[in-house]
Amino acid sequence: MFKDAHAEDEVWRLTVVRAYHFERLKQEKSWRPIVQLSVHQEPVQEVMLGVDGQNPNLKMTHLIQGASHESRLDFELCSQAKTKKKSKRRMVLAKTSVTLGEILVRQGPNKLSELQLTCQVAVMRRTSSNGKSGLVRQPRLHVRLQPPPSIVLSRSSTFQSSEPLSRSSTFQTRLSETDEPLSSHSERALSETLSVASVPDVPAEPPWEDPAQTEESTLRRRRRKPKGYHLFSESECGSEDSLLSDGSLAHLIEVEDTTPFLDDFSSSHVQEILERESCGTKRGIRHWIAGSFLPQYSPDRVSVLSQHGSSLLDTISPYHRLNEADGFDEIQKVMTDLQNEWSYVGASLMALAAIDATVFGYTPDGIIEIDSLARQSTAAGALAAAFGLAIDVWLILQYNCTDPRKFQTRALGVFDNYIWFCMTCRVPALCLLVSTASLLFFMCAVAFDLWPTGSLVVCFLTGFLVTSQYILWAVVRGTRVIVKAVAGLWRGTARVEGNDVKGEDKADKA
């Protein structure tokens, strides 16, 4: 423990190193914080930090005289106005209170102690580009404390008897022999050992040592070391017969350090197993298996379709995006895309329905003659537009005013998969395609009656431009096939002619 010989003459040296996360305490972009110190409400020399919170003069230390490890030190982070009228006014932004012993305990390997300050003003929240406020961090202060040289960590002289040392004295001896920093877990214990009160000369026995239990503890068997083994092999895995033929089950039933999973394994069960072993009955040993903390069941929403079926469904719908969504953020992106699509498709279907209704209002003696084929295409386009518009309105009412969680619940449907939703969500777009194709066929039929040549030229050029890459790919592949076929025929013909020439030469030689 710490020995404080001359508490009045001892000097503690404190250095303020740096401050962190103090920028949002004030609305100014750049300002220099001031750290005010006081010991038992007596002010000590203050220090002004830089704009980045770093102490520009680390050689300047604060000398604290007449203090002990129980002396309380107050830290106040202040700001000073830049104007001349308010230059003497200071505002306390954050503060904390801690003892010198606690600071000494918190020091890490770098001899720094981190202190968390409590804000005394409202902290400004920084808003990101997406409208969400960022995480507010508490201001922190890094200080370095050097205790007086007379306070050392050593073993108490009151335990120099011939009796065995207790665990507390052994622990203090280990602390004196090592220079490792104390962890935060031993803060409470160290605050008690920091006291300077005298200890009686009578050696105190440790409370955890019971003389009545020493003989019993010595009779316990030592726990066996765990042996390694290979997966899917029987190199280290013994059978039940070999386990029961060892002569004792003491290595399976341990009295000390029992786990919570063996609490209900009472002494009656132990006695029963020992009786079975003595009678020679070979039975299986009860295996204790810890229950899994994770659910073993999860709905399989992907394996309902085959690989080709899921690929085909994904080409016309966001099937894989919904199945592979890790959170509600990705589901919300899919929901937003579908809602925008339904809005555009609905407006287009309304325009096509209006065009089809206008065509139905033509009189037979109009300028344009409409034959039966054009009328049938118009009727098909009108039906597709009407059905697509009705389904689009139903989808908007069902999925538009919902959050991602409710959207996912409704999209899963009765069978708990996204198949039926993915087949339904693109029906308005499919109806739009059918209605547009019907309108195109109607326009081509009417234009062909008025100007056949021009209609054919326009249709040919449009189709060629749309399918030019496929036509070019077909031409290239066809050319390669023809070249390979001609080369194969030429090699075959040359081989046959060569065989004939060799046969004739052999016949002439013979």
Protein backbone atom coordinates (compact mmCIF):
# COMPACT_ATOMS: atom_id res chain seq x y z
CA MET A 1 0.00 0.00 0.00
CA PHE A 2 0.99 3.65 -0.20
CA LYS A 3 3.08 5.08 2.61
CA ASP A 4 2.62 8.81 3.22
CA ALA A 5 5.47 9.89 5.53
CA HIS A 6 5.29 13.68 5.36
CA ALA A 7 1.93 14.66 3.86
CA GLU A 8 2.44 18.37 4.52
CA ASP A 9 5.74 18.64 2.63
CA GLU A 10 4.86 16.39 -0.28
CA VAL A 11 4.25 17.85 -3.73
CA TRP A 12 2.01 16.33 -6.41
CA ARG A 13 2.78 17.35 -10.01
CA LEU A 14 -0.18 17.62 -12.40
CA THR A 15 0.04 18.37 -16.13
CA VAL A 16 -2.95 19.07 -18.39
CA VAL A 17 -2.09 17.45 -21.73
CA ARG A 18 -5.08 17.89 -24.02
CA ALA A 19 -8.85 18.33 -24.26
CA TYR A 20 -11.14 16.43 -26.68
CA HIS A 21 -14.68 16.94 -28.05
CA PHE A 22 -15.05 20.49 -26.75
CA GLU A 23 -15.75 22.23 -30.09
CA ARG A 24 -19.55 21.95 -29.89
CA LEU A 25 -19.76 23.54 -26.47
CA LYS A 26 -19.62 26.97 -28.09
CA GLN A 27 -21.02 28.39 -31.32
CA GLU A 28 -17.72 29.92 -32.41
CA LYS A 29 -15.71 28.06 -35.03
CA SER A 30 -12.35 28.38 -33.26
CA TRP A 31 -11.84 29.24 -29.64
CA ARG A 32 -9.25 28.44 -26.98
CA PRO A 33 -10.50 26.59 -23.90
CA ILE A 34 -9.23 27.46 -20.42
CA VAL A 35 -8.83 24.79 -17.75
CA GLN A 36 -9.24 26.04 -14.18
CA LEU A 37 -8.04 23.84 -11.31
CA SER A 38 -8.91 23.95 -7.64
CA VAL A 39 -7.98 21.67 -4.74
CA HIS A 40 -10.55 21.67 -1.92
CA GLN A 41 -12.11 24.77 -3.52
CA GLU A 42 -8.77 26.60 -3.43
CA PRO A 43 -7.83 27.81 -6.94
CA VAL A 44 -4.62 26.66 -8.57
CA GLN A 45 -2.84 28.12 -11.56
CA GLU A 46 -4.94 27.84 -14.72
CA VAL A 47 -3.82 26.77 -18.19
CA MET A 48 -4.98 27.97 -21.62
CA LEU A 49 -5.07 25.32 -24.32
CA GLY A 50 -4.75 25.78 -28.04
CA VAL A 51 -7.51 25.85 -30.64
CA ASP A 52 -7.05 22.11 -31.21
CA GLY A 53 -7.15 21.43 -27.45
CA GLN A 54 -3.41 20.73 -27.13
CA ASN A 55 -1.41 22.23 -24.30
CA PRO A 56 1.32 24.35 -25.98
CA ASN A 57 3.59 24.17 -22.92
CA LEU A 58 3.74 20.64 -21.56
CA LYS A 59 6.69 21.55 -19.34
CA MET A 60 4.42 23.70 -17.17
CA THR A 61 3.20 21.56 -14.29
CA HIS A 62 0.85 22.41 -11.44
CA LEU A 63 2.38 21.89 -8.00
CA ILE A 64 -0.13 20.68 -5.43
CA GLN A 65 1.28 20.88 -1.91
CA GLY A 66 -0.12 19.50 1.31
CA ALA A 67 -2.41 17.04 -0.49
CA SER A 68 -3.03 13.35 -0.15
CA HIS A 69 -4.63 10.69 -2.29
CA GLU A 70 -8.04 11.65 -0.87
CA SER A 71 -7.72 15.30 -1.86
CA ARG A 72 -10.44 16.28 -4.32
CA LEU A 73 -9.46 18.14 -7.46
CA ASP A 74 -12.02 20.17 -9.47
CA PHE A 75 -11.58 20.73 -13.22
CA GLU A 76 -13.54 23.48 -15.01
CA LEU A 77 -13.44 24.00 -18.77
CA CYS A 78 -14.14 27.70 -19.40
CA SER A 79 -14.25 30.12 -22.30
CA GLN A 80 -13.41 33.81 -22.31
CA ALA A 81 -15.09 36.45 -24.47
CA LYS A 82 -12.94 38.10 -27.15
CA THR A 83 -14.41 41.60 -26.76
CA LYS A 84 -12.81 44.10 -24.39
CA LYS A 85 -16.00 44.77 -22.44
CA LYS A 86 -16.51 41.12 -21.62
CA SER A 87 -12.86 40.10 -21.42
CA LYS A 88 -13.03 39.46 -17.68
CA ARG A 89 -16.21 37.40 -17.86
CA ARG A 90 -15.78 33.65 -18.12
CA MET A 91 -18.38 30.99 -18.67
CA VAL A 92 -18.01 27.47 -17.31
CA LEU A 93 -18.84 25.02 -20.13
CA ALA A 94 -17.99 21.68 -18.50
CA LYS A 95 -16.58 20.47 -15.21
CA THR A 96 -15.78 17.40 -13.16
CA SER A 97 -14.50 16.49 -9.70
CA VAL A 98 -12.13 13.62 -8.93
CA THR A 99 -9.63 12.65 -6.25
CA LEU A 100 -5.89 12.37 -6.77
CA GLY A 101 -6.00 8.66 -5.99
CA GLU A 102 -8.58 8.05 -8.72
CA ILE A 103 -6.47 9.94 -11.25
CA LEU A 104 -3.46 7.85 -10.29
CA VAL A 105 -5.42 4.63 -10.68
CA ARG A 106 -6.75 5.56 -14.13
CA GLN A 107 -3.30 6.24 -15.59
CA GLY A 108 -2.44 3.81 -18.35
CA PRO A 109 0.87 2.69 -19.84
CA ASN A 110 1.34 6.14 -21.40
CA LYS A 111 1.02 7.75 -17.95
CA LEU A 112 -2.16 9.57 -19.03
CA SER A 113 -5.50 9.62 -17.26
CA GLU A 114 -8.72 10.36 -19.17
CA LEU A 115 -11.37 12.39 -17.34
CA GLN A 116 -14.91 12.78 -18.65
CA LEU A 117 -16.39 16.24 -18.11
CA THR A 118 -20.06 17.01 -17.49
CA CYS A 119 -21.52 19.63 -19.83
CA GLN A 120 -22.96 22.73 -18.19
CA VAL A 121 -24.41 24.21 -21.39
CA ALA A 122 -26.50 22.86 -24.26
CA VAL A 123 -24.38 20.99 -26.81
CA MET A 124 -24.93 21.81 -30.47
CA ARG A 125 -25.88 18.80 -32.57
CA ARG A 126 -24.28 18.48 -36.00
CA THR A 127 -26.75 17.59 -38.73
CA SER A 128 -25.57 15.42 -41.63
CA SER A 129 -26.60 15.72 -45.28
CA ASN A 130 -29.44 13.20 -44.90
CA GLY A 131 -31.06 15.20 -42.10
CA LYS A 132 -29.98 12.95 -39.22
CA SER A 133 -28.21 14.39 -36.18
CA GLY A 134 -24.81 12.98 -35.31
CA LEU A 135 -23.69 11.41 -32.07
CA VAL A 136 -22.96 13.89 -29.28
CA ARG A 137 -19.68 13.07 -27.53
CA GLN A 138 -18.91 14.23 -24.02
CA PRO A 139 -15.83 16.45 -23.61
CA ARG A 140 -12.80 14.68 -22.21
CA LEU A 141 -9.57 15.81 -20.63
CA HIS A 142 -6.21 14.03 -20.60
CA VAL A 143 -3.99 14.76 -17.60
CA ARG A 144 -0.71 13.36 -16.25
CA LEU A 145 -0.18 13.01 -12.49
CA GLN A 146 3.17 12.40 -10.83
CA PRO A 147 2.90 11.42 -7.14
CA PRO A 148 5.48 12.45 -4.53
CA PRO A 149 8.60 10.26 -4.32
CA SER A 150 7.82 9.38 -0.70
CA ILE A 151 4.60 7.63 -1.68
CA VAL A 152 5.69 4.21 -2.90
CA LEU A 153 3.87 0.97 -3.46
CA SER A 154 5.37 -1.63 -1.18
CA ARG A 155 4.52 -4.42 1.16
CA SER A 156 3.48 -3.54 4.70
CA SER A 157 6.03 -4.27 7.43
CA THR A 158 3.36 -5.63 9.76
CA PHE A 159 3.24 -8.93 7.87
CA GLN A 160 6.86 -9.91 8.54
CA SER A 161 5.99 -12.83 10.80
CA SER A 162 6.98 -16.46 10.35
CA GLU A 163 3.40 -17.44 9.42
CA PRO A 164 2.49 -17.92 5.75
CA LEU A 165 1.51 -14.74 3.97
CA SER A 166 -2.12 -14.18 3.16
CA ARG A 167 -3.47 -13.51 -0.29
CA SER A 168 -3.73 -9.79 0.33
CA SER A 169 -0.03 -9.46 1.24
CA THR A 170 0.94 -11.64 -1.71
CA PHE A 171 -1.11 -9.40 -3.96
CA GLN A 172 0.64 -6.31 -2.59
CA THR A 173 4.05 -7.96 -3.06
CA ARG A 174 3.28 -8.66 -6.70
CA LEU A 175 2.23 -5.06 -7.18
CA SER A 176 5.53 -3.82 -5.75
CA GLU A 177 7.60 -6.14 -7.94
CA THR A 178 5.92 -5.18 -11.21
CA ASP A 179 5.71 -1.77 -12.82
CA GLU A 180 2.52 -2.51 -14.72
CA PRO A 181 -0.28 0.10 -14.39
CA LEU A 182 -3.31 -0.69 -12.29
CA SER A 183 -6.50 -1.49 -14.13
CA SER A 184 -9.80 0.26 -13.57
CA HIS A 185 -11.27 -2.89 -12.02
CA SER A 186 -9.06 -2.52 -8.93
CA GLU A 187 -10.03 1.09 -8.29
CA ARG A 188 -12.26 0.34 -5.30
CA ALA A 189 -9.73 -2.02 -3.72
CA LEU A 190 -6.88 0.41 -4.27
CA SER A 191 -8.81 3.27 -2.69
CA GLU A 192 -8.98 1.19 0.47
CA THR A 193 -5.30 0.21 0.41
CA LEU A 194 -4.28 3.85 -0.13
CA SER A 195 -5.17 4.66 3.47
CA VAL A 196 -2.25 5.57 5.72
CA ALA A 197 -3.72 4.13 8.93
CA SER A 198 -1.54 1.74 10.89
CA VAL A 199 -2.18 -1.98 10.75
CA PRO A 200 -2.10 -4.11 13.92
CA ASP A 201 0.83 -6.45 14.44
CA VAL A 202 -1.39 -9.54 14.69
CA PRO A 203 -1.43 -11.24 11.27
CA ALA A 204 -4.98 -11.52 10.05
CA GLU A 205 -6.04 -14.74 8.45
CA PRO A 206 -7.68 -14.38 5.05
CA PRO A 207 -11.48 -14.62 5.27
CA TRP A 208 -11.69 -17.11 2.45
CA GLU A 209 -9.50 -19.65 4.25
CA ASP A 210 -11.52 -22.03 6.43
CA PRO A 211 -9.49 -24.57 8.49
CA ALA A 212 -12.37 -27.03 8.43
CA GLN A 213 -12.32 -27.11 4.67
CA THR A 214 -8.57 -27.35 4.08
CA GLU A 215 -8.48 -31.11 4.54
CA GLU A 216 -11.49 -31.55 2.29
CA SER A 217 -10.03 -29.33 -0.41
CA THR A 218 -6.79 -31.32 -0.49
CA LEU A 219 -8.70 -34.52 -1.24
CA ARG A 220 -10.22 -33.17 -4.42
CA ARG A 221 -8.91 -34.51 -7.68
CA ARG A 222 -7.13 -32.21 -10.03
CA ARG A 223 -9.08 -31.32 -13.12
CA ARG A 224 -7.74 -33.00 -16.22
CA LYS A 225 -6.27 -30.96 -18.98
CA PRO A 226 -8.44 -30.81 -22.10
CA LYS A 227 -6.99 -32.83 -24.97
CA GLY A 228 -7.15 -31.75 -28.54
CA TYR A 229 -8.97 -33.74 -31.16
CA HIS A 230 -9.58 -33.70 -34.89
CA LEU A 231 -12.97 -33.10 -36.37
CA PHE A 232 -14.68 -36.11 -37.98
CA SER A 233 -12.13 -38.50 -36.47
CA GLU A 234 -12.01 -40.86 -33.51
CA SER A 235 -8.40 -40.31 -32.50
CA GLU A 236 -9.18 -38.76 -29.10
CA CYS A 237 -12.86 -39.67 -28.73
CA GLY A 238 -13.36 -42.73 -26.52
CA SER A 239 -16.45 -44.87 -26.47
CA GLU A 240 -18.83 -45.23 -23.56
CA ASP A 241 -17.31 -48.59 -22.59
CA SER A 242 -13.85 -47.10 -22.27
CA LEU A 243 -15.19 -44.25 -20.18
CA LEU A 244 -16.99 -46.63 -17.83
CA SER A 245 -14.02 -48.95 -17.52
CA ASP A 246 -11.64 -46.33 -16.13
CA GLY A 247 -12.44 -47.37 -12.55
CA SER A 248 -13.96 -44.08 -11.44
CA LEU A 249 -16.19 -41.31 -12.75
CA ALA A 250 -14.57 -38.66 -10.60
CA HIS A 251 -13.13 -36.93 -13.64
CA LEU A 252 -16.63 -36.55 -15.06
CA ILE A 253 -18.28 -35.27 -11.88
CA GLU A 254 -16.39 -32.35 -10.36
CA VAL A 255 -17.38 -30.88 -7.03
CA GLU A 256 -15.84 -27.48 -7.57
CA ASP A 257 -16.35 -24.96 -10.35
CA THR A 258 -19.67 -26.43 -11.46
CA THR A 259 -21.33 -24.73 -14.38
CA PRO A 260 -24.95 -23.49 -14.31
CA PHE A 261 -25.89 -26.30 -16.68
CA LEU A 262 -25.03 -28.90 -13.99
CA ASP A 263 -26.97 -27.32 -11.12
CA ASP A 264 -29.80 -29.87 -11.27
CA PHE A 265 -27.34 -32.78 -11.26
CA SER A 266 -27.93 -33.74 -7.60
CA SER A 267 -26.03 -36.17 -5.40
CA SER A 268 -28.68 -38.86 -5.97
CA HIS A 269 -27.81 -38.94 -9.67
CA VAL A 270 -24.12 -39.23 -8.80
CA GLN A 271 -24.79 -42.12 -6.43
CA GLU A 272 -26.94 -43.86 -9.04
CA ILE A 273 -24.20 -43.64 -11.66
CA LEU A 274 -21.59 -44.98 -9.22
CA GLU A 275 -23.87 -47.91 -8.29
CA ARG A 276 -24.38 -48.76 -11.96
CA GLU A 277 -20.63 -48.71 -12.49
CA SER A 278 -20.01 -51.03 -9.51
CA CYS A 279 -22.67 -53.50 -10.72
CA GLY A 280 -21.07 -53.66 -14.13
CA THR A 281 -23.96 -52.14 -16.04
CA LYS A 282 -22.74 -50.23 -19.04
CA ARG A 283 -25.09 -47.48 -19.94
CA GLY A 284 -24.72 -44.23 -21.76
CA ILE A 285 -23.56 -41.19 -19.83
CA ARG A 286 -25.91 -38.26 -19.74
CA HIS A 287 -24.56 -35.54 -21.99
CA TRP A 288 -25.17 -31.98 -20.98
CA ILE A 289 -25.67 -29.73 -23.96
CA ALA A 290 -26.11 -25.99 -23.56
CA GLY A 291 -29.15 -24.61 -25.31
CA SER A 292 -28.40 -22.34 -28.20
CA PHE A 293 -29.01 -18.67 -27.65
CA LEU A 294 -29.79 -18.14 -31.34
CA PRO A 295 -32.97 -19.31 -33.03
CA GLN A 296 -32.49 -22.50 -35.02
CA TYR A 297 -35.39 -21.79 -37.39
CA SER A 298 -35.53 -19.16 -40.04
CA PRO A 299 -38.02 -19.08 -42.90
CA ASP A 300 -36.52 -20.30 -46.15
CA ARG A 301 -37.74 -17.81 -48.71
CA VAL A 302 -35.17 -18.49 -51.41
CA SER A 303 -35.29 -22.25 -51.98
CA VAL A 304 -38.98 -22.23 -52.94
CA LEU A 305 -38.05 -21.65 -56.57
CA SER A 306 -35.32 -23.33 -58.54
CA GLN A 307 -32.25 -21.46 -59.68
CA HIS A 308 -33.63 -20.83 -63.17
CA GLY A 309 -37.02 -19.82 -61.80
CA SER A 310 -35.53 -17.33 -59.36
CA SER A 311 -33.27 -15.90 -62.08
CA LEU A 312 -36.25 -15.49 -64.39
CA LEU A 313 -38.30 -13.83 -61.66
CA ASP A 314 -35.42 -11.53 -60.79
CA THR A 315 -35.17 -10.26 -64.38
CA ILE A 316 -38.68 -8.80 -64.18
CA SER A 317 -38.89 -7.93 -60.45
CA PRO A 318 -36.71 -7.05 -57.41
CA TYR A 319 -36.81 -10.64 -56.12
CA HIS A 320 -33.17 -10.98 -55.11
CA ARG A 321 -33.05 -7.48 -53.62
CA LEU A 322 -35.89 -8.31 -51.25
CA ASN A 323 -34.48 -11.72 -50.29
CA GLU A 324 -30.96 -10.42 -49.69
CA ALA A 325 -32.04 -7.30 -47.77
CA ASP A 326 -30.12 -7.13 -44.47
CA GLY A 327 -32.20 -4.40 -42.86
CA PHE A 328 -35.10 -2.04 -43.27
CA ASP A 329 -32.91 0.52 -45.08
CA GLU A 330 -32.55 -1.71 -48.14
CA ILE A 331 -36.25 -2.61 -48.02
CA GLN A 332 -37.08 1.09 -47.96
CA LYS A 333 -35.01 1.63 -51.12
CA VAL A 334 -36.96 -1.11 -52.92
CA MET A 335 -40.23 0.34 -51.66
CA THR A 336 -39.30 3.83 -52.91
CA ASP A 337 -38.34 2.52 -56.37
CA LEU A 338 -41.60 0.59 -56.72
CA GLN A 339 -43.70 3.54 -55.58
CA ASN A 340 -42.07 5.81 -58.17
CA GLU A 341 -42.61 3.18 -60.85
CA TRP A 342 -46.29 2.80 -59.99
CA SER A 343 -46.77 6.56 -60.19
CA TYR A 344 -45.20 6.82 -63.67
CA VAL A 345 -46.98 3.73 -64.97
CA GLY A 346 -50.33 4.99 -63.68
CA ALA A 347 -49.95 8.31 -65.50
CA SER A 348 -48.98 6.55 -68.75
CA LEU A 349 -51.91 4.13 -68.53
CA MET A 350 -54.32 7.02 -68.06
CA ALA A 351 -52.96 8.66 -71.22
CA LEU A 352 -53.30 5.43 -73.24
CA ALA A 353 -56.83 4.87 -71.96
CA ALA A 354 -57.76 8.39 -73.09
CA ILE A 355 -56.34 7.70 -76.58
CA ASP A 356 -58.28 4.44 -76.89
CA ALA A 357 -61.47 6.14 -75.78
CA THR A 358 -60.91 8.81 -78.43
CA VAL A 359 -60.47 6.14 -81.13
CA PHE A 360 -63.73 4.51 -80.08
CA GLY A 361 -65.50 7.82 -80.70
CA TYR A 362 -64.61 7.97 -84.38
CA THR A 363 -67.55 7.85 -86.81
CA PRO A 364 -67.49 5.51 -89.83
CA ASP A 365 -67.51 8.46 -92.26
CA GLY A 366 -64.36 10.02 -90.77
CA ILE A 367 -61.14 10.87 -92.55
CA ILE A 368 -59.38 7.70 -91.40
CA GLU A 369 -60.87 4.37 -92.29
CA ILE A 370 -60.55 1.83 -89.47
CA ASP A 371 -60.79 -1.81 -90.43
CA SER A 372 -61.64 -4.72 -88.17
CA LEU A 373 -57.98 -5.56 -87.33
CA ALA A 374 -57.27 -2.01 -86.14
CA ARG A 375 -60.43 -2.05 -84.04
CA GLN A 376 -59.42 -5.31 -82.38
CA SER A 377 -55.98 -3.94 -81.51
CA THR A 378 -57.60 -0.81 -80.08
CA ALA A 379 -59.92 -2.94 -77.96
CA ALA A 380 -56.99 -5.02 -76.66
CA GLY A 381 -55.04 -1.88 -75.78
CA ALA A 382 -58.02 -0.37 -73.98
CA LEU A 383 -58.55 -3.54 -71.92
CA ALA A 384 -54.86 -3.71 -70.97
CA ALA A 385 -54.85 -0.04 -69.97
CA ALA A 386 -57.99 -0.44 -67.86
CA PHE A 387 -56.77 -3.55 -66.01
CA GLY A 388 -53.29 -2.10 -65.50
CA LEU A 389 -54.71 1.14 -64.13
CA ALA A 390 -56.96 -0.73 -61.69
CA ILE A 391 -54.11 -2.92 -60.39
CA ASP A 392 -51.83 0.10 -60.15
CA VAL A 393 -54.33 1.97 -57.99
CA TRP A 394 -54.71 -1.09 -55.74
CA LEU A 395 -50.94 -1.39 -55.29
CA ILE A 396 -50.65 2.30 -54.44
CA LEU A 397 -53.39 2.02 -51.83
CA GLN A 398 -51.85 -1.14 -50.36
CA TYR A 399 -48.15 -0.20 -50.19
CA ASN A 400 -47.83 3.58 -50.54
CA CYS A 401 -48.62 4.86 -47.03
CA THR A 402 -46.60 2.29 -45.07
CA ASP A 403 -43.29 2.02 -43.29
CA PRO A 404 -40.63 -0.57 -44.27
CA ARG A 405 -41.72 -3.03 -41.57
CA LYS A 406 -45.36 -3.00 -42.67
CA PHE A 407 -44.29 -3.13 -46.32
CA GLN A 408 -42.26 -6.28 -45.66
CA THR A 409 -45.14 -7.92 -43.76
CA ARG A 410 -47.62 -7.25 -46.56
CA ALA A 411 -45.17 -8.24 -49.29
CA LEU A 412 -44.50 -11.65 -47.71
CA GLY A 413 -48.17 -12.50 -48.01
CA VAL A 414 -49.82 -15.75 -46.98
CA PHE A 415 -47.02 -18.15 -47.97
CA ASP A 416 -44.26 -16.10 -46.28
CA ASN A 417 -42.24 -15.42 -49.45
CA TYR A 418 -41.86 -12.65 -52.00
CA ILE A 419 -42.84 -14.68 -55.07
CA TRP A 420 -46.45 -13.55 -55.37
CA PHE A 421 -45.63 -9.94 -54.60
CA CYS A 422 -42.89 -9.88 -57.26
CA MET A 423 -45.32 -11.34 -59.79
CA THR A 424 -47.96 -8.73 -58.93
CA CYS A 425 -45.87 -5.58 -58.57
CA ARG A 426 -44.89 -5.56 -62.28
CA VAL A 427 -48.36 -6.30 -63.68
CA PRO A 428 -49.10 -2.58 -64.30
CA ALA A 429 -45.86 -2.28 -66.29
CA LEU A 430 -46.79 -5.41 -68.28
CA CYS A 431 -50.23 -3.97 -69.03
CA LEU A 432 -48.54 -0.75 -70.12
CA LEU A 433 -46.38 -2.76 -72.54
CA VAL A 434 -49.42 -4.57 -74.00
CA SER A 435 -51.41 -1.36 -74.34
CA THR A 436 -48.51 0.43 -76.01
CA ALA A 437 -47.96 -2.47 -78.44
CA SER A 438 -51.68 -2.46 -79.31
CA LEU A 439 -51.57 1.27 -79.97
CA LEU A 440 -48.47 0.78 -82.14
CA PHE A 441 -50.21 -1.95 -84.15
CA PHE A 442 -53.27 0.29 -84.60
CA MET A 443 -51.15 3.21 -85.83
CA CYS A 444 -49.20 1.00 -88.26
CA ALA A 445 -52.40 -0.49 -89.69
CA VAL A 446 -53.97 2.92 -90.27
CA ALA A 447 -50.75 4.39 -91.73
CA PHE A 448 -50.28 1.41 -94.04
CA ASP A 449 -53.70 2.06 -95.56
CA LEU A 450 -52.80 5.69 -96.20
CA TRP A 451 -49.12 5.31 -97.29
CA PRO A 452 -47.85 1.72 -97.63
CA THR A 453 -44.30 2.47 -98.83
CA GLY A 454 -43.52 5.07 -96.20
CA SER A 455 -44.93 2.86 -93.46
CA LEU A 456 -42.71 -0.07 -94.48
CA VAL A 457 -39.57 2.09 -94.66
CA VAL A 458 -40.15 3.66 -91.25
CA CYS A 459 -40.92 0.29 -89.66
CA PHE A 460 -37.81 -1.29 -91.21
CA LEU A 461 -35.45 1.49 -90.12
CA THR A 462 -36.83 1.56 -86.59
CA GLY A 463 -36.60 -2.20 -86.22
CA PHE A 464 -33.08 -2.28 -87.66
CA LEU A 465 -31.81 0.39 -85.25
CA VAL A 466 -33.31 -1.36 -82.26
CA THR A 467 -32.06 -4.84 -83.20
CA SER A 468 -28.79 -3.83 -84.89
CA GLN A 469 -26.55 -5.34 -82.18
CA TYR A 470 -28.34 -8.68 -82.36
CA ILE A 471 -28.23 -8.65 -86.17
CA LEU A 472 -24.51 -7.85 -86.11
CA TRP A 473 -23.89 -10.63 -83.55
CA ALA A 474 -25.79 -13.11 -85.73
CA VAL A 475 -23.83 -12.08 -88.84
CA VAL A 476 -20.47 -12.46 -87.05
CA ARG A 477 -21.34 -15.86 -85.62
CA GLY A 478 -22.76 -17.04 -88.93
CA THR A 479 -19.62 -15.94 -90.77
CA ARG A 480 -17.41 -17.82 -88.31
CA VAL A 481 -19.49 -20.96 -88.68
CA ILE A 482 -19.33 -20.76 -92.47
CA VAL A 483 -15.55 -20.19 -92.43
CA LYS A 484 -15.01 -23.16 -90.11
CA ALA A 485 -17.25 -25.35 -92.24
CA VAL A 486 -15.42 -24.42 -95.45
CA ALA A 487 -12.03 -24.97 -93.78
CA GLY A 488 -13.16 -28.38 -92.53
CA LEU A 489 -14.39 -29.40 -95.97
CA TRP A 490 -11.15 -28.24 -97.56
CA ARG A 491 -9.02 -30.19 -95.05
CA GLY A 492 -11.17 -33.28 -95.56
CA THR A 493 -10.90 -33.05 -99.35
CA ALA A 494 -7.14 -32.50 -99.17
CA ARG A 495 -6.75 -35.49 -96.84
CA VAL A 496 -8.75 -37.74 -99.20
CA GLU A 497 -6.76 -36.58 -102.22
CA GLY A 498 -3.49 -37.17 -100.33
CA ASN A 499 -4.53 -40.73 -99.47
CA ASP A 500 -5.39 -41.40 -103.11
CA VAL A 501 -2.00 -40.11 -104.28
CA LYS A 502 -0.17 -42.27 -101.73
CA GLY A 503 -2.14 -45.31 -102.85
CA GLU A 504 -1.26 -44.71 -106.48
CA ASP A 505 2.46 -44.32 -105.62
CA LYS A 506 2.46 -47.60 -103.72
CA ALA A 507 0.77 -49.31 -106.64
CA ASP A 508 3.35 -47.95 -109.09
CA LYS A 509 6.24 -49.10 -106.90
CA ALA A 510 4.74 -52.53 -106.58
